[in-house]
Amino acid sequence: MALFYQIMVTNTKNMAKKQLTSEEITQIANDLQSKQSAKRRSAAKKIRKNQLIQLGDDLYKAYIKEREDKRTWETQTEMILAFGRIGYSGIEGDLRLIIDKNEPHDMITIAAARSYVRLKRKSLSDAEPVIELLKNGNLSVLNGATDILTFDDMHPSEEQIKAIISLLDSKNEKDISIRGLGDPREGLLSAMSKWKDAVSQSYLERFNKSDNQLLRKCAELALKGKKSVFE
């Protein structure tokens, strides 16, 4: 059921433009075993873009090997993102290990948080996995968790929105607003471009007057119904 749901909620902009042939899918599977990191990375991107759920096990076997080499963090990131898109629940334990390490400035951790939310939520209205990650997450976990709110056009309940705002407000400003490393409030503000509840509107108005130019721009766009953060 979870796998079926994950397929159905995929953002249409990320869906395949054409039906791949069996030969093309076989080539993608073979590329996961290539000695060239660029080919393995490309294969992971194609699995994510084309929703190749049938290659989930092949991807996982490739990832187990890949994670042993710290130099290939870009390829590992693409693989982890692909797991979330195809609904591969077998990766949940691995994602949890990455998230628990809680590296503050790490792309692999951001990807793990994104995929974790996609795998754990029950619907696009279920932000409980986001709230779970915001409670103890450092910057990378926070960014990954809030990014999904806007990437997937999630629409939490007003109570969940309040909880998300409260958790972000409780963070130390110097720990979540670091130039060049992203700010989890960007993802939240962008997501609010689709939310019309009073809580969200009040939050947008707060940042519409912020001294933080980046967040002010996100709020300005959201008040016009426009996103500022894209996958």
Protein backbone atom coordinates (compact mmCIF):
# COMPACT_ATOMS: atom_id res chain seq x y z
CA MET A 1 0.00 0.00 0.00
CA ALA A 2 2.81 2.42 0.90
CA LEU A 3 4.54 1.69 -2.40
CA PHE A 4 1.33 2.30 -4.36
CA TYR A 5 0.83 5.59 -2.55
CA GLN A 6 4.37 6.73 -3.25
CA ILE A 7 3.90 6.18 -6.97
CA MET A 8 0.59 8.03 -7.04
CA VAL A 9 1.84 11.16 -5.27
CA THR A 10 4.90 11.69 -7.44
CA ASN A 11 5.08 15.25 -8.71
CA THR A 12 4.22 15.14 -12.41
CA LYS A 13 7.16 17.33 -13.36
CA ASN A 14 9.47 14.50 -12.31
CA MET A 15 7.65 11.76 -14.16
CA ALA A 16 9.10 10.18 -17.29
CA LYS A 17 8.50 11.92 -20.60
CA LYS A 18 8.45 8.60 -22.41
CA GLN A 19 8.09 4.91 -21.71
CA LEU A 20 11.50 3.29 -21.46
CA THR A 21 12.19 0.12 -23.40
CA SER A 22 13.25 -3.06 -21.61
CA GLU A 23 16.68 -2.62 -23.18
CA GLU A 24 17.01 0.87 -21.75
CA ILE A 25 15.98 -0.33 -18.31
CA THR A 26 18.49 -3.17 -18.50
CA GLN A 27 21.21 -0.67 -19.42
CA ILE A 28 20.33 1.47 -16.41
CA ALA A 29 20.60 -1.59 -14.17
CA ASN A 30 23.97 -2.43 -15.72
CA ASP A 31 25.20 1.13 -15.25
CA LEU A 32 24.61 0.80 -11.50
CA GLN A 33 27.49 -1.69 -11.55
CA SER A 34 29.79 0.45 -13.70
CA LYS A 35 33.30 1.22 -12.50
CA GLN A 36 32.63 4.85 -13.39
CA SER A 37 30.95 6.85 -10.64
CA ALA A 38 29.40 9.20 -13.22
CA LYS A 39 27.54 6.30 -14.83
CA ARG A 40 26.32 4.99 -11.48
CA ARG A 41 25.15 8.47 -10.55
CA SER A 42 23.37 8.87 -13.90
CA ALA A 43 21.64 5.53 -13.43
CA ALA A 44 20.34 6.60 -10.01
CA LYS A 45 18.98 9.84 -11.51
CA LYS A 46 17.20 7.88 -14.24
CA ILE A 47 15.67 5.52 -11.69
CA ARG A 48 14.35 8.50 -9.76
CA LYS A 49 13.07 10.38 -12.82
CA ASN A 50 11.44 7.37 -14.43
CA GLN A 51 10.04 5.79 -11.26
CA LEU A 52 11.78 2.48 -11.96
CA ILE A 53 10.50 0.67 -8.89
CA GLN A 54 11.55 -2.65 -10.41
CA LEU A 55 15.19 -1.62 -9.98
CA GLY A 56 14.84 -0.97 -6.25
CA ASP A 57 16.77 -4.05 -5.17
CA ASP A 58 19.49 -3.43 -7.76
CA LEU A 59 19.81 0.14 -6.54
CA TYR A 60 20.05 -0.97 -2.93
CA LYS A 61 22.83 -3.48 -3.71
CA ALA A 62 24.70 -0.74 -5.56
CA TYR A 63 24.21 1.67 -2.68
CA ILE A 64 25.63 -0.78 -0.12
CA LYS A 65 28.86 -0.78 -2.13
CA GLU A 66 28.75 2.94 -2.84
CA ARG A 67 28.48 4.08 0.76
CA GLU A 68 31.88 2.57 1.56
CA ASP A 69 33.59 5.27 -0.50
CA LYS A 70 33.29 8.74 1.05
CA ARG A 71 34.60 10.30 -2.16
CA THR A 72 31.40 9.43 -4.03
CA TRP A 73 29.02 11.44 -1.85
CA GLU A 74 27.31 12.92 -4.92
CA THR A 75 26.45 9.45 -6.24
CA GLN A 76 25.29 8.33 -2.81
CA THR A 77 23.08 11.40 -2.59
CA GLU A 78 21.42 10.59 -5.92
CA MET A 79 20.85 6.99 -4.88
CA ILE A 80 19.27 8.02 -1.58
CA LEU A 81 16.96 10.48 -3.34
CA ALA A 82 15.92 7.76 -5.78
CA PHE A 83 14.88 5.46 -2.91
CA GLY A 84 12.44 8.07 -1.67
CA ARG A 85 10.94 8.62 -5.11
CA ILE A 86 10.35 4.93 -5.85
CA GLY A 87 9.05 4.17 -2.36
CA TYR A 88 11.76 1.66 -1.47
CA SER A 89 11.00 0.91 2.17
CA GLY A 90 14.00 -1.40 2.54
CA ILE A 91 16.23 1.67 2.92
CA GLU A 92 14.47 3.05 6.01
CA GLY A 93 16.96 1.60 8.49
CA ASP A 94 19.90 3.03 6.55
CA LEU A 95 18.24 6.43 6.36
CA ARG A 96 17.63 6.40 10.10
CA LEU A 97 21.32 5.75 10.74
CA ILE A 98 22.31 8.73 8.58
CA ILE A 99 19.72 10.97 10.22
CA ASP A 100 20.78 9.92 13.72
CA LYS A 101 24.37 10.96 12.93
CA ASN A 102 22.83 14.39 12.42
CA GLU A 103 25.68 15.90 10.41
CA PRO A 104 24.88 19.63 10.26
CA HIS A 105 26.34 20.46 6.81
CA ASP A 106 26.02 17.35 4.66
CA MET A 107 24.23 16.65 1.37
CA ILE A 108 23.83 12.95 2.11
CA THR A 109 22.00 13.84 5.31
CA ILE A 110 19.73 16.28 3.46
CA ALA A 111 18.87 13.56 0.95
CA ALA A 112 18.24 11.04 3.73
CA ALA A 113 15.81 13.40 5.46
CA ARG A 114 13.95 14.04 2.22
CA SER A 115 13.55 10.36 1.42
CA TYR A 116 12.66 9.50 5.01
CA VAL A 117 9.69 11.87 4.93
CA ARG A 118 8.53 10.51 1.58
CA LEU A 119 8.66 6.95 2.87
CA LYS A 120 7.12 7.53 6.29
CA ARG A 121 4.21 9.90 5.59
CA LYS A 122 0.76 8.42 5.11
CA SER A 123 -0.45 11.11 2.72
CA LEU A 124 0.45 14.57 1.47
CA SER A 125 -1.45 15.95 4.47
CA ASP A 126 0.67 13.98 6.95
CA ALA A 127 3.56 16.10 8.23
CA GLU A 128 4.28 13.95 11.29
CA PRO A 129 7.58 12.66 9.81
CA VAL A 130 8.59 16.28 9.20
CA ILE A 131 7.77 17.22 12.78
CA GLU A 132 9.68 14.17 14.05
CA LEU A 133 12.83 15.26 12.22
CA LEU A 134 12.54 18.90 13.24
CA LYS A 135 12.60 18.05 16.95
CA ASN A 136 16.25 17.06 17.14
CA GLY A 137 17.66 17.75 13.70
CA ASN A 138 20.66 19.87 12.87
CA LEU A 139 20.73 22.04 9.75
CA SER A 140 20.93 19.28 7.11
CA VAL A 141 18.07 17.29 8.62
CA LEU A 142 16.01 20.46 9.00
CA ASN A 143 16.58 21.48 5.39
CA GLY A 144 15.75 18.04 4.04
CA ALA A 145 12.57 17.80 6.08
CA THR A 146 11.15 21.21 5.16
CA ASP A 147 12.18 20.97 1.49
CA ILE A 148 9.70 18.15 0.99
CA LEU A 149 6.84 20.35 2.15
CA THR A 150 7.28 22.50 -0.95
CA PHE A 151 8.74 19.95 -3.38
CA ASP A 152 5.70 17.69 -3.04
CA ASP A 153 3.05 20.34 -2.39
CA MET A 154 2.26 18.86 1.01
CA HIS A 155 -0.64 20.42 2.89
CA PRO A 156 -0.49 19.69 6.64
CA SER A 157 -3.26 20.45 9.09
CA GLU A 158 -3.25 23.81 10.85
CA GLU A 159 -2.14 22.11 14.06
CA GLN A 160 0.82 20.52 12.29
CA ILE A 161 1.73 23.85 10.71
CA LYS A 162 1.74 25.42 14.17
CA ALA A 163 4.02 22.62 15.42
CA ILE A 164 6.44 23.10 12.52
CA ILE A 165 6.61 26.86 13.09
CA SER A 166 7.11 26.40 16.84
CA LEU A 167 9.95 23.93 16.34
CA LEU A 168 11.77 26.19 13.88
CA ASP A 169 11.23 29.21 16.14
CA SER A 170 12.88 27.26 18.97
CA LYS A 171 16.14 26.88 17.02
CA ASN A 172 19.09 29.17 17.51
CA GLU A 173 19.25 31.62 14.61
CA LYS A 174 22.99 31.13 14.09
CA ASP A 175 22.46 27.39 13.67
CA ILE A 176 19.80 27.55 10.96
CA SER A 177 20.60 30.70 9.02
CA ILE A 178 24.00 30.15 7.44
CA ARG A 179 24.81 31.80 4.12
CA GLY A 180 25.34 29.26 1.37
CA LEU A 181 24.05 26.32 3.41
CA GLY A 182 20.33 26.95 3.16
CA ASP A 183 17.74 27.83 5.76
CA PRO A 184 14.88 25.41 6.58
CA ARG A 185 12.48 28.33 6.73
CA GLU A 186 12.96 28.82 2.98
CA GLY A 187 11.25 25.50 2.30
CA LEU A 188 8.46 26.25 4.75
CA LEU A 189 7.80 29.72 3.33
CA SER A 190 7.80 28.34 -0.20
CA ALA A 191 5.31 25.62 0.77
CA MET A 192 3.04 28.28 2.28
CA SER A 193 2.50 29.69 -1.21
CA LYS A 194 -0.14 26.93 -1.48
CA TRP A 195 -1.53 27.27 2.05
CA LYS A 196 -4.28 29.76 2.82
CA ASP A 197 -4.86 29.17 6.53
CA ALA A 198 -4.55 32.06 8.98
CA VAL A 199 -1.47 30.62 10.70
CA SER A 200 0.48 30.45 7.44
CA GLN A 201 -0.61 33.90 6.34
CA SER A 202 0.53 35.36 9.66
CA TYR A 203 3.91 33.62 9.32
CA LEU A 204 4.34 34.97 5.80
CA GLU A 205 3.52 38.49 6.95
CA ARG A 206 6.12 38.17 9.72
CA PHE A 207 8.89 37.38 7.24
CA ASN A 208 7.57 39.83 4.68
CA LYS A 209 8.98 42.44 7.05
CA SER A 210 12.15 40.53 7.97
CA ASP A 211 15.66 41.97 7.87
CA ASN A 212 16.71 38.66 6.33
CA GLN A 213 16.57 39.50 2.63
CA LEU A 214 16.41 35.89 1.45
CA LEU A 215 13.52 34.95 3.73
CA ARG A 216 11.74 38.22 2.96
CA LYS A 217 11.92 37.38 -0.76
CA CYS A 218 10.54 33.89 -0.09
CA ALA A 219 7.65 35.42 1.86
CA GLU A 220 6.95 38.04 -0.81
CA LEU A 221 6.70 35.36 -3.50
CA ALA A 222 4.57 33.07 -1.33
CA LEU A 223 2.09 35.88 -0.65
CA LYS A 224 1.70 36.09 -4.43
CA GLY A 225 1.12 32.33 -4.61
CA LYS A 226 4.58 31.61 -6.04
CA LYS A 227 7.14 29.09 -4.82
CA SER A 228 10.74 30.07 -4.19
CA VAL A 229 12.26 26.61 -3.65
CA PHE A 230 12.25 23.85 -6.26
CA GLU A 231 13.63 20.31 -6.45
